[in-house]
N, C-alpha and C. Protein backbone atom coordinates (compact mmCIF):
# COMPACT_ATOMS: atom_id res chain seq x y z
N MET A 1 0.78 -1.15 0.00
CA MET A 1 0.00 0.00 0.00
C MET A 1 0.84 1.25 0.00
N PRO A 2 0.45 2.16 -0.84
CA PRO A 2 1.25 3.37 -0.88
C PRO A 2 0.95 4.27 0.31
N VAL A 3 1.90 5.00 0.61
CA VAL A 3 1.78 5.86 1.78
C VAL A 3 1.65 7.30 1.28
N GLU A 4 0.75 7.95 1.87
CA GLU A 4 0.50 9.33 1.46
C GLU A 4 1.19 10.25 2.44
N GLN A 5 1.88 11.24 1.84
CA GLN A 5 2.58 12.18 2.71
C GLN A 5 2.04 13.57 2.46
N ARG A 6 1.91 14.29 3.55
CA ARG A 6 1.41 15.65 3.42
C ARG A 6 2.41 16.58 4.06
N VAL A 7 2.59 17.70 3.33
CA VAL A 7 3.51 18.69 3.87
C VAL A 7 2.67 19.88 4.30
N ILE A 8 2.78 20.23 5.51
CA ILE A 8 2.01 21.35 6.01
C ILE A 8 2.99 22.44 6.29
N GLY A 9 2.74 23.55 5.72
CA GLY A 9 3.65 24.66 5.87
C GLY A 9 3.34 25.45 7.11
N ALA A 10 4.34 26.12 7.54
CA ALA A 10 4.19 26.93 8.74
C ALA A 10 3.46 28.21 8.38
N PRO A 11 2.75 28.75 9.33
CA PRO A 11 2.06 30.00 9.02
C PRO A 11 3.07 31.09 8.73
N GLN A 12 2.74 31.94 7.84
CA GLN A 12 3.65 32.99 7.40
C GLN A 12 3.60 34.13 8.41
N LYS A 13 4.76 34.66 8.63
CA LYS A 13 4.85 35.75 9.60
C LYS A 13 4.59 37.05 8.90
N ILE A 14 4.13 38.00 9.66
CA ILE A 14 3.83 39.30 9.09
C ILE A 14 5.13 39.95 8.70
N GLY A 15 5.14 40.47 7.43
CA GLY A 15 6.31 41.16 6.93
C GLY A 15 7.34 40.24 6.34
N ALA A 16 7.18 38.95 6.50
CA ALA A 16 8.16 38.03 5.95
C ALA A 16 7.86 37.78 4.50
N ARG A 17 8.91 37.50 3.82
CA ARG A 17 8.74 37.21 2.41
C ARG A 17 8.38 35.76 2.25
N SER A 18 7.55 35.52 1.32
CA SER A 18 7.17 34.13 1.12
C SER A 18 8.05 33.52 0.05
N ALA A 19 8.23 32.23 0.16
CA ALA A 19 9.07 31.53 -0.81
C ALA A 19 8.28 31.18 -2.05
N GLY A 20 6.98 31.13 -1.95
CA GLY A 20 6.13 30.73 -3.08
C GLY A 20 5.76 31.92 -3.94
N PRO A 21 4.91 31.61 -4.82
CA PRO A 21 4.48 32.71 -5.71
C PRO A 21 3.69 33.75 -4.93
N ALA A 22 3.88 34.96 -5.38
CA ALA A 22 3.21 36.06 -4.72
C ALA A 22 1.72 35.99 -5.04
N PRO A 23 0.93 36.35 -4.05
CA PRO A 23 -0.50 36.32 -4.32
C PRO A 23 -0.81 37.30 -5.45
N ALA A 24 -1.72 36.89 -6.28
CA ALA A 24 -2.07 37.72 -7.44
C ALA A 24 -2.75 38.98 -6.98
N ALA A 25 -2.24 40.08 -7.50
CA ALA A 25 -2.85 41.36 -7.16
C ALA A 25 -4.16 41.45 -7.92
N ALA A 26 -5.05 42.14 -7.38
CA ALA A 26 -6.34 42.27 -8.04
C ALA A 26 -6.14 42.98 -9.38
N GLU A 27 -6.51 42.26 -10.43
CA GLU A 27 -6.35 42.86 -11.76
C GLU A 27 -7.46 43.88 -11.96
N PRO A 28 -7.09 44.97 -12.58
CA PRO A 28 -8.16 45.95 -12.82
C PRO A 28 -9.14 45.36 -13.85
N GLU A 29 -10.39 45.66 -13.66
CA GLU A 29 -11.40 45.16 -14.59
C GLU A 29 -11.19 45.81 -15.95
N PRO A 30 -11.27 45.00 -16.99
CA PRO A 30 -11.09 45.62 -18.32
C PRO A 30 -12.24 46.59 -18.59
N GLU A 31 -11.85 47.72 -19.21
CA GLU A 31 -12.86 48.73 -19.52
C GLU A 31 -13.73 48.20 -20.66
N PRO A 32 -14.97 48.37 -20.58
CA PRO A 32 -15.80 47.91 -21.69
C PRO A 32 -15.45 48.73 -22.94
N GLN A 33 -15.36 48.01 -24.09
CA GLN A 33 -14.97 48.69 -25.32
C GLN A 33 -16.07 49.67 -25.71
N LYS A 34 -15.61 50.82 -26.04
CA LYS A 34 -16.57 51.83 -26.45
C LYS A 34 -17.11 51.44 -27.82
N ARG A 35 -18.39 51.49 -27.98
CA ARG A 35 -18.99 51.17 -29.27
C ARG A 35 -18.73 52.34 -30.20
N ARG A 36 -18.15 51.99 -31.30
CA ARG A 36 -17.88 53.06 -32.26
C ARG A 36 -19.20 53.50 -32.88
N ARG A 37 -19.29 54.71 -33.10
CA ARG A 37 -20.51 55.22 -33.71
C ARG A 37 -20.41 54.99 -35.22
N ARG A 38 -21.23 54.10 -35.69
CA ARG A 38 -21.19 53.74 -37.10
C ARG A 38 -22.25 54.49 -37.89
N TRP A 39 -23.08 55.22 -37.26
CA TRP A 39 -24.16 55.86 -37.98
C TRP A 39 -23.69 56.87 -39.02
N PRO A 40 -22.59 57.63 -38.83
CA PRO A 40 -22.18 58.54 -39.91
C PRO A 40 -21.80 57.77 -41.19
N VAL A 41 -21.15 56.63 -41.02
CA VAL A 41 -20.77 55.83 -42.18
C VAL A 41 -22.02 55.28 -42.85
N LEU A 42 -22.96 54.79 -42.07
CA LEU A 42 -24.19 54.25 -42.63
C LEU A 42 -24.99 55.33 -43.36
N VAL A 43 -25.01 56.53 -42.80
CA VAL A 43 -25.72 57.62 -43.45
C VAL A 43 -25.07 57.96 -44.78
N LEU A 44 -23.74 58.01 -44.82
CA LEU A 44 -23.04 58.31 -46.07
C LEU A 44 -23.30 57.24 -47.13
N VAL A 45 -23.29 55.98 -46.73
CA VAL A 45 -23.57 54.90 -47.68
C VAL A 45 -25.00 55.00 -48.19
N LEU A 46 -25.93 55.28 -47.30
CA LEU A 46 -27.33 55.42 -47.69
C LEU A 46 -27.52 56.59 -48.65
N VAL A 47 -26.89 57.71 -48.38
CA VAL A 47 -26.99 58.88 -49.26
C VAL A 47 -26.40 58.56 -50.63
N ALA A 48 -25.28 57.85 -50.66
CA ALA A 48 -24.67 57.48 -51.94
C ALA A 48 -25.57 56.55 -52.74
N LEU A 49 -26.22 55.60 -52.09
CA LEU A 49 -27.13 54.69 -52.78
C LEU A 49 -28.35 55.43 -53.34
N VAL A 50 -28.89 56.34 -52.55
CA VAL A 50 -30.05 57.11 -53.02
C VAL A 50 -29.65 57.98 -54.21
N ALA A 51 -28.49 58.60 -54.13
CA ALA A 51 -28.03 59.45 -55.24
C ALA A 51 -27.79 58.62 -56.50
N ALA A 52 -27.20 57.43 -56.35
CA ALA A 52 -26.97 56.57 -57.51
C ALA A 52 -28.29 56.11 -58.11
N GLY A 53 -29.25 55.77 -57.28
CA GLY A 53 -30.57 55.36 -57.78
C GLY A 53 -31.28 56.50 -58.49
N ALA A 54 -31.18 57.70 -57.96
CA ALA A 54 -31.83 58.85 -58.60
C ALA A 54 -31.17 59.15 -59.94
N ALA A 55 -29.85 59.05 -60.00
CA ALA A 55 -29.15 59.29 -61.26
C ALA A 55 -29.52 58.24 -62.30
N ALA A 56 -29.61 57.00 -61.90
CA ALA A 56 -29.98 55.93 -62.83
C ALA A 56 -31.41 56.13 -63.32
N ALA A 57 -32.31 56.49 -62.43
CA ALA A 57 -33.70 56.72 -62.82
C ALA A 57 -33.80 57.89 -63.79
N TRP A 58 -33.07 58.96 -63.53
CA TRP A 58 -33.09 60.11 -64.43
C TRP A 58 -32.56 59.73 -65.80
N PHE A 59 -31.49 58.97 -65.84
CA PHE A 59 -30.86 58.61 -67.10
C PHE A 59 -31.73 57.67 -67.93
N PHE A 60 -32.31 56.65 -67.29
CA PHE A 60 -33.04 55.63 -68.04
C PHE A 60 -34.53 55.96 -68.23
N LEU A 61 -35.12 56.73 -67.36
CA LEU A 61 -36.56 56.95 -67.42
C LEU A 61 -36.96 58.33 -67.92
N ARG A 62 -36.01 59.17 -68.21
CA ARG A 62 -36.36 60.53 -68.63
C ARG A 62 -36.95 60.51 -70.03
N THR A 63 -37.80 61.46 -70.28
CA THR A 63 -38.38 61.62 -71.61
C THR A 63 -37.65 62.76 -72.30
N PRO A 64 -37.41 62.62 -73.58
CA PRO A 64 -36.71 63.70 -74.26
C PRO A 64 -37.55 64.98 -74.24
N ASP A 65 -36.87 66.08 -74.15
CA ASP A 65 -37.56 67.37 -74.13
C ASP A 65 -38.27 67.61 -75.44
N ALA A 66 -39.42 68.24 -75.34
CA ALA A 66 -40.17 68.55 -76.55
C ALA A 66 -39.41 69.57 -77.40
N GLU A 67 -38.63 70.42 -76.76
CA GLU A 67 -37.87 71.41 -77.50
C GLU A 67 -36.70 70.78 -78.24
N ALA A 68 -36.16 69.68 -77.73
CA ALA A 68 -35.01 69.05 -78.35
C ALA A 68 -35.39 68.35 -79.65
N ALA A 69 -36.61 67.83 -79.73
CA ALA A 69 -37.04 67.12 -80.93
C ALA A 69 -37.53 68.14 -81.96
N PRO A 70 -37.12 67.95 -83.20
CA PRO A 70 -37.59 68.89 -84.21
C PRO A 70 -39.09 68.70 -84.44
N PRO A 71 -39.79 69.78 -84.72
CA PRO A 71 -41.23 69.64 -84.93
C PRO A 71 -41.51 68.85 -86.20
N ALA A 72 -42.61 68.11 -86.16
CA ALA A 72 -42.99 67.31 -87.33
C ALA A 72 -43.41 68.26 -88.45
N PRO A 73 -42.95 67.96 -89.66
CA PRO A 73 -43.32 68.86 -90.76
C PRO A 73 -44.82 68.79 -91.04
N GLU A 74 -45.37 69.91 -91.42
CA GLU A 74 -46.79 69.99 -91.73
C GLU A 74 -47.03 69.56 -93.17
N PRO A 75 -48.09 68.79 -93.40
CA PRO A 75 -48.39 68.40 -94.78
C PRO A 75 -48.87 69.59 -95.60
N GLY A 76 -48.45 69.59 -96.83
CA GLY A 76 -48.85 70.66 -97.76
C GLY A 76 -49.66 70.09 -98.90
N ALA A 77 -49.35 70.52 -100.09
CA ALA A 77 -50.08 70.10 -101.29
C ALA A 77 -49.71 68.67 -101.68
N VAL A 78 -50.61 68.04 -102.45
CA VAL A 78 -50.35 66.71 -103.00
C VAL A 78 -50.06 66.88 -104.49
N LEU A 79 -48.89 66.41 -104.91
CA LEU A 79 -48.48 66.48 -106.32
C LEU A 79 -48.92 65.20 -107.02
N GLN A 80 -49.81 65.33 -108.01
CA GLN A 80 -50.27 64.17 -108.78
C GLN A 80 -49.23 63.85 -109.84
N VAL A 81 -48.84 62.56 -109.90
CA VAL A 81 -47.90 62.07 -110.90
C VAL A 81 -48.70 61.28 -111.92
N ASP A 82 -48.47 61.56 -113.21
CA ASP A 82 -49.21 60.86 -114.27
C ASP A 82 -48.99 59.36 -114.14
N PRO A 83 -50.06 58.57 -114.34
CA PRO A 83 -49.93 57.11 -114.25
C PRO A 83 -48.96 56.56 -115.30
N VAL A 84 -48.34 55.45 -114.96
CA VAL A 84 -47.38 54.79 -115.85
C VAL A 84 -47.68 53.30 -115.84
N SER A 85 -47.43 52.64 -116.98
CA SER A 85 -47.60 51.19 -117.07
C SER A 85 -46.25 50.53 -116.90
N LEU A 86 -46.19 49.56 -116.00
CA LEU A 86 -44.94 48.86 -115.69
C LEU A 86 -45.05 47.41 -116.10
N ASN A 87 -43.96 46.86 -116.63
CA ASN A 87 -43.93 45.45 -117.00
C ASN A 87 -43.64 44.61 -115.76
N LEU A 88 -44.50 43.61 -115.55
CA LEU A 88 -44.31 42.65 -114.48
C LEU A 88 -43.76 41.36 -115.08
N ALA A 89 -43.51 40.37 -114.28
CA ALA A 89 -43.01 39.08 -114.74
C ALA A 89 -44.12 38.35 -115.51
N ASP A 90 -43.73 37.47 -116.40
CA ASP A 90 -44.62 36.60 -117.17
C ASP A 90 -45.63 37.36 -118.04
N GLY A 91 -45.23 38.50 -118.59
CA GLY A 91 -46.06 39.23 -119.56
C GLY A 91 -47.19 40.03 -118.94
N HIS A 92 -47.25 40.16 -117.65
CA HIS A 92 -48.28 40.97 -117.00
C HIS A 92 -47.79 42.41 -116.87
N TYR A 93 -48.73 43.31 -116.58
CA TYR A 93 -48.33 44.69 -116.36
C TYR A 93 -49.10 45.29 -115.19
N LEU A 94 -48.58 46.42 -114.72
CA LEU A 94 -49.16 47.15 -113.59
C LEU A 94 -49.33 48.60 -114.02
N ARG A 95 -50.54 49.12 -113.92
CA ARG A 95 -50.80 50.54 -114.16
C ARG A 95 -50.72 51.22 -112.80
N LEU A 96 -49.76 52.13 -112.66
CA LEU A 96 -49.46 52.72 -111.35
C LEU A 96 -49.54 54.24 -111.44
N GLY A 97 -50.38 54.82 -110.59
CA GLY A 97 -50.46 56.26 -110.45
C GLY A 97 -50.06 56.65 -109.03
N LEU A 98 -49.37 57.77 -108.90
CA LEU A 98 -48.84 58.20 -107.60
C LEU A 98 -49.31 59.60 -107.25
N GLY A 99 -49.43 59.85 -105.98
CA GLY A 99 -49.63 61.18 -105.43
C GLY A 99 -48.58 61.39 -104.36
N LEU A 100 -47.82 62.48 -104.48
CA LEU A 100 -46.74 62.76 -103.52
C LEU A 100 -47.22 63.82 -102.52
N GLN A 101 -47.26 63.46 -101.25
CA GLN A 101 -47.63 64.40 -100.18
C GLN A 101 -46.41 65.23 -99.87
N LEU A 102 -46.48 66.52 -100.22
CA LEU A 102 -45.36 67.43 -99.99
C LEU A 102 -45.50 68.11 -98.63
N THR A 103 -44.42 68.68 -98.14
CA THR A 103 -44.47 69.44 -96.89
C THR A 103 -45.01 70.84 -97.19
N ALA A 104 -45.46 71.52 -96.16
CA ALA A 104 -46.00 72.88 -96.32
C ALA A 104 -44.90 73.87 -96.69
N ASP A 105 -43.64 73.52 -96.43
CA ASP A 105 -42.52 74.42 -96.71
C ASP A 105 -42.17 74.48 -98.20
N VAL A 106 -42.63 73.52 -98.98
CA VAL A 106 -42.28 73.47 -100.40
C VAL A 106 -43.04 74.57 -101.14
N GLU A 107 -42.28 75.47 -101.78
CA GLU A 107 -42.90 76.58 -102.51
C GLU A 107 -43.16 76.20 -103.96
N GLU A 108 -42.22 75.50 -104.54
CA GLU A 108 -42.33 75.11 -105.94
C GLU A 108 -42.35 73.59 -106.03
N PRO A 109 -43.33 73.00 -106.72
CA PRO A 109 -43.41 71.54 -106.77
C PRO A 109 -42.16 70.94 -107.45
N PRO A 110 -41.64 69.85 -106.87
CA PRO A 110 -40.45 69.22 -107.44
C PRO A 110 -40.79 68.44 -108.71
N ASP A 111 -39.76 68.10 -109.45
CA ASP A 111 -39.91 67.31 -110.67
C ASP A 111 -40.27 65.87 -110.28
N PRO A 112 -41.37 65.32 -110.82
CA PRO A 112 -41.78 63.97 -110.44
C PRO A 112 -41.00 62.86 -111.14
N ALA A 113 -40.02 63.20 -111.97
CA ALA A 113 -39.29 62.18 -112.71
C ALA A 113 -38.55 61.22 -111.78
N ARG A 114 -37.97 61.74 -110.71
CA ARG A 114 -37.28 60.86 -109.75
C ARG A 114 -38.26 59.89 -109.09
N ALA A 115 -39.45 60.36 -108.77
CA ALA A 115 -40.46 59.50 -108.15
C ALA A 115 -40.85 58.37 -109.09
N LEU A 116 -41.04 58.68 -110.36
CA LEU A 116 -41.38 57.64 -111.34
C LEU A 116 -40.24 56.65 -111.50
N ASP A 117 -39.02 57.15 -111.54
CA ASP A 117 -37.86 56.26 -111.69
C ASP A 117 -37.76 55.29 -110.51
N LEU A 118 -37.95 55.79 -109.30
CA LEU A 118 -37.88 54.92 -108.12
C LEU A 118 -39.03 53.91 -108.11
N ALA A 119 -40.23 54.32 -108.52
CA ALA A 119 -41.37 53.40 -108.55
C ALA A 119 -41.16 52.32 -109.60
N ILE A 120 -40.65 52.69 -110.77
CA ILE A 120 -40.39 51.70 -111.83
C ILE A 120 -39.36 50.68 -111.36
N ALA A 121 -38.28 51.17 -110.72
CA ALA A 121 -37.23 50.26 -110.24
C ALA A 121 -37.76 49.32 -109.17
N LEU A 122 -38.67 49.79 -108.33
CA LEU A 122 -39.16 48.99 -107.22
C LEU A 122 -40.21 47.97 -107.64
N PHE A 123 -41.13 48.35 -108.53
CA PHE A 123 -42.26 47.48 -108.88
C PHE A 123 -42.01 46.61 -110.10
N SER A 124 -41.17 47.00 -111.01
CA SER A 124 -40.99 46.26 -112.27
C SER A 124 -40.41 44.88 -112.04
N GLY A 125 -40.87 43.93 -112.90
CA GLY A 125 -40.31 42.58 -112.90
C GLY A 125 -40.83 41.67 -111.79
N ARG A 126 -41.69 42.15 -110.96
CA ARG A 126 -42.24 41.31 -109.88
C ARG A 126 -43.40 40.47 -110.42
N PRO A 127 -43.63 39.31 -109.84
CA PRO A 127 -44.78 38.50 -110.26
C PRO A 127 -46.09 39.19 -109.91
N VAL A 128 -47.12 38.96 -110.71
CA VAL A 128 -48.42 39.59 -110.50
C VAL A 128 -49.02 39.16 -109.16
N GLN A 129 -48.77 37.93 -108.72
CA GLN A 129 -49.28 37.48 -107.42
C GLN A 129 -48.67 38.31 -106.28
N GLU A 130 -47.42 38.68 -106.43
CA GLU A 130 -46.74 39.44 -105.38
C GLU A 130 -47.31 40.85 -105.27
N VAL A 131 -47.48 41.53 -106.40
CA VAL A 131 -47.97 42.91 -106.33
C VAL A 131 -49.47 42.97 -106.05
N SER A 132 -50.19 41.86 -106.26
CA SER A 132 -51.63 41.83 -105.98
C SER A 132 -51.94 41.57 -104.51
N ASP A 133 -51.01 41.01 -103.79
CA ASP A 133 -51.20 40.73 -102.36
C ASP A 133 -51.21 42.04 -101.58
N PRO A 134 -52.27 42.32 -100.79
CA PRO A 134 -52.36 43.60 -100.06
C PRO A 134 -51.19 43.83 -99.09
N ALA A 135 -50.74 42.79 -98.42
CA ALA A 135 -49.63 42.96 -97.47
C ALA A 135 -48.36 43.37 -98.20
N THR A 136 -48.08 42.72 -99.33
CA THR A 136 -46.88 43.05 -100.11
C THR A 136 -47.01 44.45 -100.69
N ARG A 137 -48.22 44.80 -101.16
CA ARG A 137 -48.44 46.13 -101.73
C ARG A 137 -48.15 47.21 -100.69
N ASP A 138 -48.62 47.02 -99.46
CA ASP A 138 -48.35 48.00 -98.39
C ASP A 138 -46.86 48.08 -98.07
N GLN A 139 -46.19 46.94 -98.10
CA GLN A 139 -44.75 46.92 -97.84
C GLN A 139 -44.00 47.67 -98.94
N LEU A 140 -44.38 47.44 -100.19
CA LEU A 140 -43.74 48.13 -101.31
C LEU A 140 -44.02 49.64 -101.25
N LYS A 141 -45.23 50.00 -100.87
CA LYS A 141 -45.59 51.42 -100.74
C LYS A 141 -44.74 52.09 -99.66
N SER A 142 -44.55 51.42 -98.52
CA SER A 142 -43.73 51.97 -97.43
C SER A 142 -42.28 52.13 -97.88
N GLU A 143 -41.78 51.14 -98.60
CA GLU A 143 -40.40 51.20 -99.09
C GLU A 143 -40.25 52.35 -100.08
N LEU A 144 -41.24 52.54 -100.96
CA LEU A 144 -41.20 53.65 -101.92
C LEU A 144 -41.24 54.99 -101.19
N ALA A 145 -42.06 55.10 -100.16
CA ALA A 145 -42.15 56.36 -99.38
C ALA A 145 -40.80 56.69 -98.75
N GLU A 146 -40.10 55.71 -98.20
CA GLU A 146 -38.78 55.95 -97.61
C GLU A 146 -37.79 56.42 -98.67
N GLN A 147 -37.81 55.77 -99.83
CA GLN A 147 -36.89 56.16 -100.91
C GLN A 147 -37.19 57.58 -101.40
N LEU A 148 -38.47 57.94 -101.47
CA LEU A 148 -38.84 59.28 -101.92
C LEU A 148 -38.44 60.34 -100.90
N GLN A 149 -38.56 60.04 -99.62
CA GLN A 149 -38.14 60.99 -98.59
C GLN A 149 -36.65 61.27 -98.69
N GLU A 150 -35.86 60.24 -98.98
CA GLU A 150 -34.42 60.44 -99.16
C GLU A 150 -34.12 61.20 -100.44
N ALA A 151 -34.76 60.79 -101.52
CA ALA A 151 -34.47 61.39 -102.82
C ALA A 151 -34.86 62.87 -102.87
N TYR A 152 -35.95 63.23 -102.25
CA TYR A 152 -36.43 64.61 -102.27
C TYR A 152 -36.01 65.38 -101.02
N GLU A 153 -35.12 64.83 -100.24
CA GLU A 153 -34.50 65.49 -99.09
C GLU A 153 -35.53 66.09 -98.13
N GLY A 154 -36.54 65.28 -97.77
CA GLY A 154 -37.52 65.69 -96.78
C GLY A 154 -38.67 66.53 -97.31
N GLU A 155 -38.70 66.81 -98.61
CA GLU A 155 -39.82 67.57 -99.17
C GLU A 155 -41.07 66.71 -99.32
N VAL A 156 -40.90 65.40 -99.44
CA VAL A 156 -42.02 64.47 -99.61
C VAL A 156 -42.25 63.76 -98.28
N LEU A 157 -43.47 63.86 -97.76
CA LEU A 157 -43.82 63.18 -96.50
C LEU A 157 -44.28 61.76 -96.73
N ASP A 158 -45.10 61.55 -97.75
CA ASP A 158 -45.71 60.25 -97.96
C ASP A 158 -46.04 60.10 -99.44
N VAL A 159 -46.43 58.90 -99.82
CA VAL A 159 -46.84 58.62 -101.20
C VAL A 159 -48.20 57.94 -101.15
N TYR A 160 -49.05 58.30 -102.12
CA TYR A 160 -50.37 57.68 -102.23
C TYR A 160 -50.42 56.95 -103.58
N LEU A 161 -51.03 55.78 -103.57
CA LEU A 161 -51.21 55.02 -104.81
C LEU A 161 -52.58 55.40 -105.36
N THR A 162 -52.59 56.25 -106.39
CA THR A 162 -53.86 56.74 -106.94
C THR A 162 -54.43 55.80 -107.98
N GLN A 163 -53.58 55.04 -108.64
CA GLN A 163 -54.03 53.97 -109.57
C GLN A 163 -53.16 52.76 -109.30
N TYR A 164 -53.80 51.60 -109.30
CA TYR A 164 -53.06 50.35 -109.05
C TYR A 164 -53.87 49.23 -109.71
N VAL A 165 -53.60 49.00 -110.99
CA VAL A 165 -54.35 48.04 -111.77
C VAL A 165 -53.37 47.03 -112.35
N THR A 166 -53.63 45.74 -112.14
CA THR A 166 -52.78 44.69 -112.69
C THR A 166 -53.55 43.92 -113.76
N GLN A 167 -52.77 43.38 -114.71
CA GLN A 167 -53.37 42.51 -115.74
C GLN A 167 -52.34 41.47 -116.11
C-alpha cells in the first residue's frame, strides 16, 4: 500500500517574504470597449445609394424634351404624278399612279421624274401574285415612301397610290 505524505507549511509571519508565488494582485477590470458610432458611415452609404438610384432613374426613365425634338413637318399640297404602265413578270403589267404628299414648306413643286424612276425600279419585274397581295403592296408602298423621302430630301412626307391596276 502506498503511503501518502502531506507537507504542512508553517504560518507565514507578518512582513516576511514568502518563498512561493506572490499572491495575485487584483487585476483591474477591463474597460468595456466603447462602441464606435457607425451611424455617420451608414448615413453616407445610404446617401450614396439614393443618389446613384436617382441618377440611374433620371438617365433611363427621362423623356426627351419637346424642344429638343424637331417639330414634325406639316403636310402641304399633293403632287399628282401621271400614271405609268410597268412590266411585271410573265407578260403581266401594272398601271401605277402616284400622289406625292409634300411638306408645307415646299414653294415650288419638285420634278416627279425621280419618283417615277424609283417606282419603276421597285415594282418592275415582280410576279403579279406578289404585287396583288395587299400585305406586299403595303410593304412596297412603305419602301417607296422611304426612298422618296431620301431622294427629295424631306420635301415628300408620304406617297399615295392613286391607280393600281394589274393585268
